[in-house]
Protein backbone atom coordinates (compact mmCIF):
# COMPACT_ATOMS: atom_id res chain seq x y z
CA MET A 1 14.94 8.25 20.93
CA THR A 2 18.07 7.18 20.19
CA LEU A 3 20.84 8.45 17.76
CA ASN A 4 21.28 4.61 17.09
CA GLY A 5 17.57 4.50 16.55
CA TRP A 6 17.71 7.64 13.93
CA LEU A 7 20.85 6.18 12.58
CA GLN A 8 19.39 2.91 11.36
CA ILE A 9 15.98 4.82 9.98
CA ALA A 10 18.90 7.05 7.82
CA ILE A 11 20.59 4.11 6.53
CA ILE A 12 17.38 1.85 5.29
CA LEU A 13 16.06 5.25 4.17
CA ALA A 14 19.74 5.88 1.92
CA THR A 15 19.81 2.68 0.74
CA VAL A 16 16.78 2.80 -0.87
CA LEU A 17 17.17 5.92 -2.63
CA LEU A 18 20.52 4.67 -3.69
CA ALA A 19 18.67 1.36 -5.60
CA ALA A 20 15.36 3.72 -6.33
CA VAL A 21 17.53 5.93 -8.79
CA PRO A 22 18.87 2.70 -10.88
CA LEU A 23 15.60 1.05 -11.00
CA GLY A 24 14.02 3.79 -12.02
CA ALA A 25 15.97 4.78 -14.78
CA PHE A 26 15.84 1.04 -15.61
CA MET A 27 11.61 0.91 -15.66
CA ALA A 28 11.23 4.09 -17.57
CA ARG A 29 12.85 2.33 -20.03
CA VAL A 30 10.82 -0.70 -19.96
CA TYR A 31 7.52 1.73 -20.40
CA ALA A 32 9.13 3.53 -23.21
CA GLY A 33 9.23 0.26 -24.96
CA LYS A 34 13.16 0.61 -25.13
CA HIS A 35 16.04 -2.40 -25.03
CA THR A 36 17.18 -2.90 -21.45
CA PHE A 37 20.06 -5.67 -20.51
CA LEU A 38 17.00 -8.15 -19.56
CA SER A 39 15.63 -8.04 -23.12
CA PRO A 40 17.52 -10.64 -24.80
CA MET A 41 16.28 -13.25 -22.29
CA LEU A 42 12.68 -11.75 -21.81
CA SER A 43 11.81 -10.01 -25.08
CA PRO A 44 11.02 -13.98 -26.78
CA VAL A 45 9.13 -14.58 -23.77
CA GLU A 46 6.74 -10.98 -23.49
CA ARG A 47 6.88 -11.70 -27.20
CA GLY A 48 5.42 -15.30 -26.73
CA PHE A 49 2.40 -14.17 -24.64
CA TYR A 50 1.26 -11.68 -26.57
CA ALA A 51 0.81 -14.23 -29.83
CA LEU A 52 -0.78 -16.69 -26.75
CA ALA A 53 -3.40 -13.52 -25.85
CA GLY A 54 -3.97 -12.42 -29.53
CA VAL A 55 -2.63 -9.10 -27.93
CA GLU A 56 -1.14 -6.59 -30.66
CA PRO A 57 1.21 -4.15 -28.27
CA ALA A 58 1.36 -1.52 -30.58
CA ARG A 59 -1.96 -0.99 -30.82
CA GLU A 60 -3.39 1.86 -28.10
CA GLN A 61 -6.38 2.22 -26.16
CA GLY A 62 -7.93 5.18 -25.49
CA TRP A 63 -9.01 6.25 -21.57
CA ARG A 64 -12.45 3.85 -21.80
CA ALA A 65 -11.03 0.91 -23.30
CA TYR A 66 -8.24 1.06 -20.89
CA ALA A 67 -10.15 1.01 -17.72
CA LEU A 68 -12.66 -1.26 -19.31
CA ALA A 69 -9.80 -3.81 -19.96
CA MET A 70 -8.29 -3.22 -16.64
CA LEU A 71 -11.98 -4.01 -14.80
CA LEU A 72 -12.53 -7.12 -16.96
CA PHE A 73 -8.91 -8.49 -16.16
CA ASN A 74 -9.55 -7.58 -12.25
CA ALA A 75 -13.30 -8.90 -11.93
CA ALA A 76 -12.17 -12.13 -14.21
CA GLY A 77 -8.76 -12.89 -11.04
CA PHE A 78 -11.78 -12.06 -8.45
CA VAL A 79 -14.01 -14.85 -10.01
CA LEU A 80 -11.01 -17.24 -10.40
CA LEU A 81 -9.82 -16.11 -6.43
CA TYR A 82 -13.03 -16.80 -5.12
CA VAL A 83 -14.06 -20.24 -7.03
CA THR A 84 -10.31 -21.38 -5.53
CA LEU A 85 -10.88 -20.12 -2.09
CA ARG A 86 -14.23 -21.54 -1.99
CA LEU A 87 -13.11 -25.52 -3.10
CA GLN A 88 -9.83 -25.16 -1.59
CA GLY A 89 -10.84 -28.58 0.13
CA PHE A 90 -10.88 -30.26 -3.34
CA MET A 91 -7.43 -28.36 -4.81
CA PRO A 92 -4.05 -30.30 -5.08
CA PHE A 93 -0.95 -29.48 -1.96
CA ASN A 94 -3.68 -28.75 0.73
CA PRO A 95 -1.56 -31.44 3.19
CA GLN A 96 -3.54 -29.84 6.30
CA GLY A 97 -7.06 -31.52 4.70
CA PHE A 98 -8.21 -27.32 5.44
CA GLY A 99 -12.17 -27.38 3.80
CA GLY A 100 -13.13 -24.39 1.58
CA LEU A 101 -13.65 -20.81 3.11
CA THR A 102 -17.29 -19.41 3.64
CA PRO A 103 -19.14 -17.28 1.29
CA ASP A 104 -18.56 -14.18 3.16
CA LEU A 105 -14.73 -14.44 3.94
CA ALA A 106 -14.39 -15.93 0.41
CA PHE A 107 -15.90 -12.75 -0.71
CA ASN A 108 -13.31 -10.44 1.34
CA THR A 109 -10.16 -12.15 0.88
CA ALA A 110 -10.64 -12.61 -3.06
CA VAL A 111 -11.67 -8.76 -3.32
CA SER A 112 -8.58 -8.47 -0.92
CA PHE A 113 -6.29 -9.39 -3.12
CA VAL A 114 -7.33 -8.72 -6.29
CA THR A 115 -7.41 -4.94 -4.79
CA ASN A 116 -3.94 -4.51 -3.20
CA THR A 117 -5.44 -4.36 0.16
CA ASN A 118 -4.58 -7.77 1.59
CA TRP A 119 -6.57 -7.26 4.27
CA GLN A 120 -7.23 -10.88 6.26
CA SER A 121 -10.02 -11.35 8.38
CA TYR A 122 -8.35 -15.08 8.83
CA GLY A 123 -5.05 -16.46 10.41
CA GLY A 124 -3.08 -17.64 6.93
CA GLU A 125 -1.19 -21.24 8.89
CA THR A 126 -4.44 -22.03 10.10
CA THR A 127 -7.18 -21.34 6.60
CA MET A 128 -5.21 -21.44 3.74
CA SER A 129 -3.77 -24.52 1.99
CA HIS A 130 -0.43 -23.89 0.00
CA PHE A 131 -1.89 -24.11 -3.15
CA SER A 132 -4.26 -21.33 -2.31
CA GLN A 133 -1.12 -19.47 -0.93
CA MET A 134 0.49 -19.85 -4.07
CA ALA A 135 -1.58 -20.38 -6.78
CA GLY A 136 -3.87 -18.02 -5.46
CA LEU A 137 -2.92 -15.20 -2.76
CA THR A 138 0.71 -14.74 -4.48
CA VAL A 139 -0.35 -14.69 -8.42
CA GLN A 140 -3.02 -11.77 -7.08
CA ASN A 141 0.17 -9.97 -5.45
CA PHE A 142 1.45 -9.98 -8.49
CA LEU A 143 -1.12 -9.05 -10.67
CA SER A 144 -2.82 -6.64 -8.59
CA ALA A 145 0.59 -4.83 -8.27
CA ALA A 146 1.30 -5.15 -11.86
CA THR A 147 -2.23 -3.31 -12.15
CA GLY A 148 -0.90 -0.23 -10.02
CA LEU A 149 1.98 0.17 -12.13
CA ALA A 150 -0.03 -0.25 -15.61
CA LEU A 151 -2.34 2.80 -14.41
CA ALA A 152 0.43 4.96 -13.32
CA MET A 153 2.44 5.15 -16.79
CA ALA A 154 -1.33 5.92 -17.97
CA LEU A 155 -1.86 9.12 -16.30
CA VAL A 156 2.07 10.22 -16.84
CA ARG A 157 1.45 9.43 -20.70
CA GLY A 158 -1.43 11.98 -20.00
CA PHE A 159 1.34 14.38 -19.34
CA VAL A 160 3.66 13.53 -21.68
CA ARG A 161 1.50 12.89 -24.94
CA SER A 162 0.06 15.99 -27.08
CA LYS A 163 -3.25 15.72 -28.97
CA VAL A 164 -3.68 12.28 -28.53
CA GLY A 165 -6.97 9.95 -28.13
CA THR A 166 -4.86 7.00 -25.98
CA VAL A 167 -2.92 6.00 -23.47
CA GLY A 168 -1.34 2.70 -23.89
CA ASN A 169 -1.93 -0.98 -23.98
CA PHE A 170 -3.22 -2.00 -20.94
CA TRP A 171 -2.45 -5.74 -21.71
CA ALA A 172 1.52 -4.39 -22.67
CA ASP A 173 1.54 -2.80 -19.54
CA MET A 174 0.38 -5.37 -17.56
CA THR A 175 2.93 -7.80 -18.98
CA ARG A 176 6.02 -5.98 -18.89
CA SER A 177 4.73 -4.67 -14.95
CA THR A 178 5.13 -8.33 -14.39
CA LEU A 179 7.89 -9.90 -16.53
CA TYR A 180 10.50 -6.80 -16.74
CA ILE A 181 10.24 -5.37 -12.95
CA LEU A 182 8.46 -7.99 -10.25
CA LEU A 183 9.32 -11.35 -11.24
CA PRO A 184 12.99 -10.59 -11.43
CA LEU A 185 12.60 -8.65 -7.74
CA ALA A 186 11.00 -11.27 -6.43
CA LEU A 187 12.56 -13.94 -7.38
CA ALA A 188 16.35 -12.38 -6.42
CA THR A 189 14.84 -11.26 -2.95
CA ALA A 190 12.86 -14.30 -2.63
CA LEU A 191 16.99 -16.38 -2.47
CA LEU A 192 18.23 -13.59 -0.44
CA LEU A 193 15.44 -14.41 2.01
CA VAL A 194 15.75 -17.85 2.15
CA ALA A 195 19.31 -18.04 2.58
CA LEU A 196 18.42 -15.23 6.11
CA GLY A 197 16.28 -18.12 6.83
CA LEU A 198 12.64 -18.57 5.81
CA PRO A 199 11.24 -21.38 4.99
CA GLN A 200 10.58 -22.31 1.45
CA THR A 201 9.00 -25.85 1.00
CA LEU A 202 5.76 -27.72 0.24
CA LEU A 203 6.08 -29.30 3.95
CA ALA A 204 3.01 -28.19 5.96
CA SER A 205 5.04 -28.33 9.50
CA VAL A 206 7.97 -30.05 11.14
CA ASP A 207 8.45 -31.23 14.55
CA ALA A 208 10.73 -30.56 16.55
CA THR A 209 11.86 -31.46 20.58
CA THR A 210 11.84 -28.46 22.83
CA LEU A 211 14.36 -28.13 25.67
CA GLU A 212 12.25 -29.38 28.17
CA GLY A 213 11.81 -32.45 26.12
CA THR A 214 8.12 -32.30 24.48
CA LYS A 215 7.36 -32.37 21.16
CA GLN A 216 5.92 -29.37 19.08
CA THR A 217 4.95 -28.83 15.74
CA ILE A 218 6.28 -26.21 13.74
CA VAL A 219 3.98 -24.61 10.56
CA VAL A 220 6.31 -24.27 7.37
CA GLY A 221 5.44 -23.95 3.99
CA PRO A 222 5.92 -21.83 0.85
CA VAL A 223 6.74 -18.59 2.69
CA ALA A 224 9.73 -16.83 1.20
CA SER A 225 8.19 -16.31 -2.12
CA GLN A 226 5.06 -15.00 -0.69
CA ILE A 227 7.09 -12.50 1.50
CA ALA A 228 8.79 -11.34 -1.31
CA ILE A 229 6.18 -9.74 -3.51
CA LYS A 230 3.99 -9.47 -0.52
CA GLN A 231 6.68 -6.00 -0.32
CA LEU A 232 7.93 -5.73 -3.25
CA GLY A 233 4.36 -5.09 -4.75
CA THR A 234 3.26 -3.64 -1.16
CA ASN A 235 0.64 -5.84 -0.99
CA GLY A 236 0.92 -6.82 2.86
CA GLY A 237 -0.87 -10.14 3.14
CA GLY A 238 1.31 -12.56 5.51
CA PHE A 239 2.03 -16.49 5.30
CA PHE A 240 1.39 -15.90 9.11
CA ASN A 241 -1.45 -14.57 10.67
CA VAL A 242 0.93 -12.33 12.51
CA ASN A 243 2.57 -11.21 10.04
CA ALA A 244 5.95 -9.88 10.07
CA ALA A 245 6.01 -10.53 14.14
CA HIS A 246 6.64 -13.94 13.27
CA PRO A 247 10.00 -15.28 12.92
CA PHE A 248 9.15 -16.98 10.20
CA GLU A 249 8.01 -13.95 8.35
CA ASN A 250 10.56 -12.04 9.55
CA PRO A 251 13.56 -13.76 12.42
CA THR A 252 16.07 -10.85 12.52
CA SER A 253 16.84 -7.02 12.04
CA LEU A 254 18.57 -8.12 8.86
CA THR A 255 15.37 -9.47 7.29
CA ASN A 256 13.56 -6.84 8.86
CA PHE A 257 16.05 -4.45 7.18
CA VAL A 258 15.63 -5.78 3.69
CA GLN A 259 11.51 -5.89 4.16
CA ILE A 260 11.60 -2.60 4.92
CA TRP A 261 13.57 -1.56 1.64
CA GLN A 262 12.01 -3.81 -0.64
CA MET A 263 8.71 -1.96 0.72
CA LEU A 264 9.77 1.01 -0.26
CA VAL A 265 12.05 0.57 -3.36
CA ILE A 266 9.44 0.26 -6.18
CA SER A 267 7.24 3.23 -5.01
CA VAL A 268 9.89 5.32 -4.99
CA ALA A 269 12.04 4.18 -7.85
CA VAL A 270 8.38 4.81 -9.97
CA VAL A 271 8.63 8.36 -9.23
CA PHE A 272 12.07 9.12 -11.14
CA ALA A 273 10.85 6.72 -13.71
CA PHE A 274 7.92 9.41 -13.89
CA GLY A 275 10.74 11.97 -13.97
CA ARG A 276 12.90 11.08 -16.85
CA LEU A 277 9.79 9.95 -18.65
CA ILE A 278 8.00 13.32 -18.68
CA GLY A 279 11.74 14.93 -19.54
CA ASP A 280 11.87 16.89 -16.27
CA SER A 281 13.57 14.95 -13.47
CA ARG A 282 13.09 18.39 -11.36
CA GLN A 283 9.46 17.30 -11.09
CA ALA A 284 9.97 13.80 -9.59
CA ARG A 285 12.62 15.71 -7.13
CA ALA A 286 9.68 18.06 -6.11
CA LEU A 287 7.27 15.12 -5.53
CA LEU A 288 10.00 13.13 -3.91
CA TRP A 289 10.57 16.14 -1.37
CA VAL A 290 6.85 16.00 -0.62
CA MET A 291 6.93 12.07 0.22
CA GLY A 292 9.86 12.53 2.58
CA ILE A 293 8.81 15.32 4.25
CA LEU A 294 5.48 13.77 5.29
CA LEU A 295 7.04 10.07 5.58
CA VAL A 296 9.68 11.41 8.07
CA ALA A 297 7.29 13.54 9.83
CA GLY A 298 5.06 10.71 10.50
CA ILE A 299 8.50 8.46 11.44
CA ALA A 300 9.24 11.13 14.23
CA ILE A 301 5.64 11.63 15.94
CA THR A 302 5.76 8.07 16.19
CA TYR A 303 9.01 7.63 17.18
CA ALA A 304 8.49 9.75 20.10
CA ALA A 305 5.59 8.37 21.25
CA GLU A 306 6.84 5.25 21.48
CA ALA A 307 9.81 6.27 23.32
CA ALA A 308 8.02 8.41 25.74
CA GLY A 309 5.87 5.62 26.61
CA THR A 310 2.70 6.10 28.85
CA PRO A 311 1.75 7.60 32.35
CA MET A 312 0.72 4.02 33.63
CA LEU A 313 4.03 2.44 32.05
CA HIS A 314 6.17 4.81 34.87
CA ALA A 315 3.54 4.66 37.55
CA ALA A 316 4.14 0.65 37.19
CA GLY A 317 8.37 0.99 37.97
CA ILE A 318 8.21 0.14 33.81
CA ASN A 319 12.33 1.95 33.31
CA PRO A 320 11.26 5.09 31.22
CA ALA A 321 14.16 4.23 29.03
CA ASP A 322 12.86 1.12 27.19
CA GLY A 323 9.69 3.56 25.77
CA ASN A 324 6.50 1.38 25.39
CA MET A 325 7.59 -2.30 24.16
CA GLU A 326 4.01 -3.81 24.32
CA GLY A 327 3.31 -5.24 21.05
CA LYS A 328 6.38 -5.22 19.89
CA GLU A 329 9.45 -7.34 18.91
CA VAL A 330 12.64 -6.96 21.12
CA ARG A 331 14.52 -8.43 18.09
CA PHE A 332 13.37 -4.93 16.30
CA GLY A 333 13.27 -2.66 19.15
CA LEU A 334 11.03 1.04 19.24
CA ALA A 335 12.98 2.40 16.18
CA MET A 336 12.31 -0.18 13.27
CA SER A 337 8.66 -0.76 14.60
CA ALA A 338 7.79 3.14 14.30
CA LEU A 339 9.70 2.94 11.11
CA TRP A 340 7.64 -0.13 10.17
CA ALA A 341 4.37 1.41 10.47
CA ALA A 342 4.74 5.08 9.10
CA VAL A 343 6.58 2.79 6.20
CA THR A 344 3.90 0.41 5.76
CA THR A 345 0.61 3.05 5.81
CA GLY A 346 2.77 5.75 4.04
CA LEU A 347 2.67 3.08 1.34
CA SER A 348 -0.46 0.93 0.60
CA THR A 349 1.64 -2.36 2.37
CA GLY A 350 -0.42 -3.20 5.26
CA ALA A 351 1.82 -5.73 6.74
CA VAL A 352 3.09 -5.23 10.00
CA ASN A 353 5.73 -6.11 12.36
CA SER A 354 4.37 -4.56 15.70
CA MET A 355 1.06 -4.40 16.99
CA HIS A 356 -0.57 -0.94 16.43
CA ALA A 357 -3.24 -1.37 18.49
CA SER A 358 -0.46 -1.48 21.32
CA PHE A 359 1.12 1.49 20.10
CA THR A 360 0.13 5.23 22.54
CA PRO A 361 -2.67 6.80 21.44
CA ILE A 362 -0.46 9.57 19.35
CA GLY A 363 1.53 6.47 17.99
CA SER A 364 -1.30 4.92 16.62
CA LEU A 365 -2.98 7.98 15.23
CA VAL A 366 0.19 8.35 12.79
CA PRO A 367 0.00 5.00 10.77
CA MET A 368 -4.41 5.70 10.19
CA PHE A 369 -3.83 9.27 9.17
CA LEU A 370 -1.55 8.29 6.67
CA ILE A 371 -3.63 5.88 5.44
CA GLN A 372 -6.23 8.49 5.41
CA LEU A 373 -4.36 10.82 3.61
CA GLY A 374 -4.47 8.51 0.63
CA GLU A 375 -1.42 6.25 0.86
CA ILE A 376 0.73 8.69 -1.37
CA LEU A 377 4.11 8.78 1.06
CA PRO A 378 5.10 7.41 -1.52
CA GLY A 379 2.16 5.15 -1.69
CA GLY A 380 1.74 1.82 -3.42
CA VAL A 381 3.70 0.55 -6.34
CA GLY A 382 2.24 2.73 -9.11
CA SER A 383 -0.97 3.90 -6.83
CA GLY A 384 1.45 6.44 -4.67
CA LEU A 385 2.24 8.10 -7.87
CA TYR A 386 -0.75 8.24 -9.58
CA GLY A 387 -2.69 9.48 -6.41
CA ILE A 388 -0.20 12.30 -5.89
CA LEU A 389 -0.77 13.50 -9.30
CA VAL A 390 -4.53 13.79 -8.87
CA MET A 391 -3.03 15.79 -5.70
CA ALA A 392 -0.92 18.54 -7.32
CA ILE A 393 -3.64 19.07 -9.62
CA ILE A 394 -5.87 20.02 -6.96
CA ALA A 395 -3.10 22.33 -5.94
CA VAL A 396 -1.87 23.81 -9.39
CA PHE A 397 -5.82 24.57 -9.39
CA VAL A 398 -5.56 26.26 -5.71
CA ALA A 399 -2.54 28.26 -6.76
CA GLY A 400 -4.78 28.98 -10.28
CA LEU A 401 -7.24 30.71 -7.82
CA MET A 402 -5.35 32.55 -6.38
CA VAL A 403 -3.77 34.54 -8.90
CA GLY A 404 -6.81 34.41 -11.30
CA ARG A 405 -5.29 32.46 -13.82
CA THR A 406 -5.89 29.02 -15.48
CA PRO A 407 -4.02 26.35 -13.40
CA GLU A 408 -1.51 24.34 -15.75
CA TYR A 409 0.96 21.20 -14.57
CA LEU A 410 3.65 19.54 -16.66
CA GLY A 411 2.60 21.68 -19.68
CA LYS A 412 -1.24 20.76 -19.53
CA LYS A 413 -4.09 23.79 -18.94
CA ILE A 414 -5.75 21.97 -15.92
CA GLU A 415 -9.40 22.69 -15.96
CA ALA A 416 -12.85 21.99 -14.83
CA LYS A 417 -13.10 18.21 -16.67
CA GLU A 418 -9.50 17.68 -14.49
CA VAL A 419 -10.97 19.33 -10.67
CA LYS A 420 -14.20 17.46 -11.00
CA MET A 421 -12.26 14.10 -11.74
CA ALA A 422 -9.71 14.67 -9.49
CA MET A 423 -12.11 15.82 -6.46
CA LEU A 424 -14.41 12.86 -7.52
CA ALA A 425 -11.85 10.68 -6.62
CA VAL A 426 -10.22 12.06 -3.51
CA LEU A 427 -13.67 11.97 -1.91
CA ILE A 428 -14.37 7.79 -2.45
CA LEU A 429 -11.80 7.77 1.08
CA PRO A 430 -14.02 9.91 3.48
CA ILE A 431 -17.56 8.95 2.01
CA THR A 432 -16.66 4.93 2.13
CA ILE A 433 -14.09 5.16 5.80
CA LEU A 434 -16.53 7.33 7.00
CA GLY A 435 -19.78 5.92 6.11
CA PHE A 436 -19.45 2.83 6.91
CA SER A 437 -17.42 3.80 10.24
CA ALA A 438 -20.62 5.44 11.49
CA VAL A 439 -23.03 2.78 10.79
CA ALA A 440 -20.80 0.00 12.64
CA ALA A 441 -20.71 2.08 15.37
CA VAL A 442 -24.03 2.03 15.79
CA ILE A 443 -25.38 -1.47 14.78
CA PRO A 444 -25.36 -4.64 16.54
CA GLN A 445 -23.44 -6.30 14.34
CA GLY A 446 -20.52 -3.73 14.28
CA LEU A 447 -20.44 -3.40 18.03
CA ALA A 448 -20.09 -6.68 18.49
CA GLY A 449 -16.79 -7.55 16.67
CA LEU A 450 -14.63 -4.88 18.86
CA LEU A 451 -12.71 -5.60 22.13
CA ASN A 452 -13.07 -2.86 23.82
CA ALA A 453 -15.19 0.11 24.12
CA GLY A 454 -14.92 4.20 24.34
CA PRO A 455 -12.42 6.04 22.30
CA HIS A 456 -10.51 3.12 21.52
CA GLY A 457 -13.03 0.94 19.86
CA LEU A 458 -14.09 3.95 17.52
CA SER A 459 -10.46 3.43 16.90
CA GLU A 460 -10.65 -0.10 16.23
CA ILE A 461 -13.70 0.38 13.52
CA LEU A 462 -12.12 4.25 11.75
CA TYR A 463 -8.95 1.87 11.70
CA ALA A 464 -10.40 -0.99 10.06
CA TYR A 465 -12.54 1.03 7.42
CA SER A 466 -9.35 3.30 6.54
CA SER A 467 -7.29 0.11 5.77
CA ALA A 468 -9.78 -0.85 3.48
CA ALA A 469 -10.83 2.14 1.69
CA GLY A 470 -7.30 2.67 1.67
CA ASN A 471 -6.31 -0.42 0.17
CA ASN A 472 -3.59 -0.76 3.04
CA GLY A 473 -4.85 -4.18 4.55
CA SER A 474 -2.79 -3.69 8.41
CA ALA A 475 -5.49 -4.19 11.30
CA PHE A 476 -5.70 -2.03 14.42
CA ALA A 477 -5.77 -5.79 16.18
CA GLY A 478 -8.87 -6.47 18.60
CA LEU A 479 -11.69 -5.92 15.92
CA THR A 480 -13.36 -9.49 15.39
CA ALA A 481 -13.21 -8.94 11.35
CA ASN A 482 -14.33 -12.52 9.99
CA SER A 483 -17.94 -11.90 10.57
CA PRO A 484 -20.59 -11.76 7.69
CA TRP A 485 -20.83 -7.80 8.33
CA TYR A 486 -17.50 -6.82 7.99
CA ASN A 487 -16.48 -9.63 5.55
CA THR A 488 -18.96 -7.57 3.61
CA THR A 489 -18.71 -4.25 4.33
CA LEU A 490 -15.00 -4.21 4.59
CA GLY A 491 -15.01 -6.09 0.94
CA LEU A 492 -17.03 -3.14 -0.43
CA ALA A 493 -15.04 -0.70 0.65
CA MET A 494 -12.03 -2.32 -0.83
CA LEU A 495 -13.49 -2.46 -4.30
CA LEU A 496 -14.71 1.35 -3.71
CA GLY A 497 -11.05 2.90 -2.46
CA ARG A 498 -9.54 0.90 -5.74
CA PHE A 499 -11.70 1.33 -8.46
CA ALA A 500 -13.66 4.47 -7.75
CA TYR A 501 -10.51 6.03 -7.40
CA ILE A 502 -8.94 4.61 -10.59
CA VAL A 503 -11.83 5.29 -13.51
CA PRO A 504 -12.17 9.03 -12.78
CA MET A 505 -7.89 9.12 -12.45
CA LEU A 506 -8.07 7.16 -15.95
CA ALA A 507 -10.68 9.87 -17.37
CA ILE A 508 -8.37 12.44 -16.23
CA ALA A 509 -5.02 10.74 -18.19
CA GLY A 510 -7.47 10.66 -21.14
CA SER A 511 -8.35 14.51 -20.86
CA LEU A 512 -4.60 15.56 -20.52
CA ALA A 513 -3.54 13.16 -23.50
CA ALA A 514 -5.99 15.01 -25.91
CA LYS A 515 -5.06 18.88 -24.79
CA THR A 516 -1.58 20.35 -25.97
CA ARG A 517 0.80 19.99 -24.47
CA LEU A 518 2.44 24.02 -23.57
CA GLU A 519 5.81 25.81 -23.07
CA SER A 520 5.59 27.30 -19.82
CA SER A 521 5.62 31.16 -19.52
CA THR A 522 6.74 33.09 -17.04
CA GLY A 523 3.51 33.90 -15.84
CA THR A 524 3.65 29.85 -15.07
CA LEU A 525 3.57 28.20 -11.64
CA PRO A 526 7.05 26.80 -10.99
CA THR A 527 5.72 22.89 -9.37
CA HIS A 528 9.52 22.06 -9.14
CA GLY A 529 10.32 24.70 -6.27
CA PRO A 530 9.54 25.18 -2.21
CA LEU A 531 6.57 26.99 -3.13
CA PHE A 532 5.13 24.14 -4.63
CA ILE A 533 6.36 21.77 -2.28
CA GLY A 534 4.81 23.62 0.31
CA LEU A 535 1.79 24.22 -1.43
CA LEU A 536 1.50 20.69 -2.18
CA ILE A 537 2.06 19.46 1.39
CA GLY A 538 -0.65 21.75 2.81
CA VAL A 539 -3.13 20.85 0.46
CA ILE A 540 -2.43 17.02 1.01
CA LEU A 541 -2.66 17.98 5.34
CA ILE A 542 -5.87 20.45 4.74
CA LEU A 543 -7.96 18.02 2.86
CA GLY A 544 -6.97 15.09 4.85
CA GLY A 545 -7.10 16.93 8.41
CA LEU A 546 -11.00 18.56 7.40
CA GLN A 547 -12.19 15.29 5.88
CA PHE A 548 -10.87 13.06 9.30
CA PHE A 549 -9.60 15.01 11.97
CA PRO A 550 -13.69 15.12 13.91
CA ALA A 551 -13.70 11.24 13.44
CA LEU A 552 -10.03 11.19 14.94
CA ALA A 553 -10.93 13.84 17.83
CA LEU A 554 -13.27 10.96 19.51
CA GLY A 555 -10.92 8.28 18.79
CA PRO A 556 -7.29 8.14 19.45
CA ILE A 557 -6.93 12.14 20.32
CA ALA A 558 -9.81 11.51 23.36
CA GLU A 559 -8.16 8.75 23.98
CA GLN A 560 -4.56 10.70 24.29
CA VAL A 561 -6.09 12.59 26.12
CA MET A 562 -7.30 10.58 28.63
CA MET A 563 -4.50 8.11 28.89
CA LEU A 564 -2.43 12.02 29.87
CA ALA A 565 -5.26 12.60 32.79
CA GLY A 566 -4.63 9.07 34.05
CA LYS A 567 -8.13 7.84 33.22
CA THR A 568 -8.84 4.00 31.47
CA PHE A 569 -11.65 2.89 29.80
């Protein structure tokens, strides 16, 4: 590790905070239905959409109606994307002449982009036409991110409101999320990325003459527009197979800086918006402290592990100061590779600028564990906020048990129904990840996809199902996932990780909105101070550790022990 590396990390995180504060204030005004500087231009467009769709934005929904609207909307998006991918060969803007995807791959991909996972069992430049990339995948990048923001606002209203049976209007929340937040930011950053060297064209390829005088065909396409919303919406699905390690997706250290900033800014801003909407910014700062402490710890462990290298590299005579550069781009280096790996998995982005399978065992353990914690550090756009609020509900319940008092959070009593729904939500991840991984590790269809045996092979399986159920989408590499078994089971894991979590969360929102909001008393646990921050960190780590440590002990931890012993497998 170097001082220069830490300075780079600190500068990026500081610029995220500087932008997230005003953006959070803007988002709070948008979701409160107040006037913003974009209103004169976008309000007529918003009203036009409502008129065309027959939506009355002031007509609010209870949590069941909100959930039903969300499920139907996403089901329709899945069907449209699935049909588009299956009939790709008949669609326009297909200069490469690609045919339609197989049923299992189309299912996996459609589920992946609708659930904000963006797992890719294919190489983008060799599989997807421009039409599929633009009208299919990029559109879902906007809509899946807007869904996450809308759902977060529904839960926030549950805390803000008192004796009310509604949590908002899903259609209005979706429209405002897309029109006022995602679209302007994506447009601005796409233009910036084009200026920094990313292609944006409807051409399929260009020919170039190399220094040796031979002709090379270089694949291009509408890259910048997809990468902008891929990062802003914590989607992560790349235009090219190697994602942000590709020089056309991420050509320089400056584009690397911009894309890390893009990944973080909305997810952090929505926490500031939460503080404004509930009228207590201290609560938002407490959540950000929890997110920041755990994320920086993940960055530090990953950076230290990669900077230390491995005994085999040292034995081969490689300069120890270079660390473990296997699978990493020289133009980014160790610090930016470690930062990106922790950010993309602490979020639900899944984009990669280096290959996680080539990290040291401890270095690869951190990204996997950050996904398994629920991707709440700071998590996906919207999903990170409602994920950590569910954890906060469990934390105050634990505190209530210790002192023998009915727990409260943000003026709402946390009772049996909320705790049951919260536990139902958080149990989805271990059931899905460990269940599918256990089956894949013993059947021929699962073992057939492995590149490696032993602990590393188990890590390939465990990472894949963690990434799918956590709606992350990053790959450990090595696993051949484009098979009927993996395409189907990973698709099911994505569906469970997204929607089986959302519905209990919305039930919590509805229950809280119907309760009376109470003033804090002398017996109320302060949820903005160091005590609660420590309690929430402990709950997050204990839940993750107890659920996943046995599996991790057989995978990356066992691999680390073997590496230190000088053994290979």
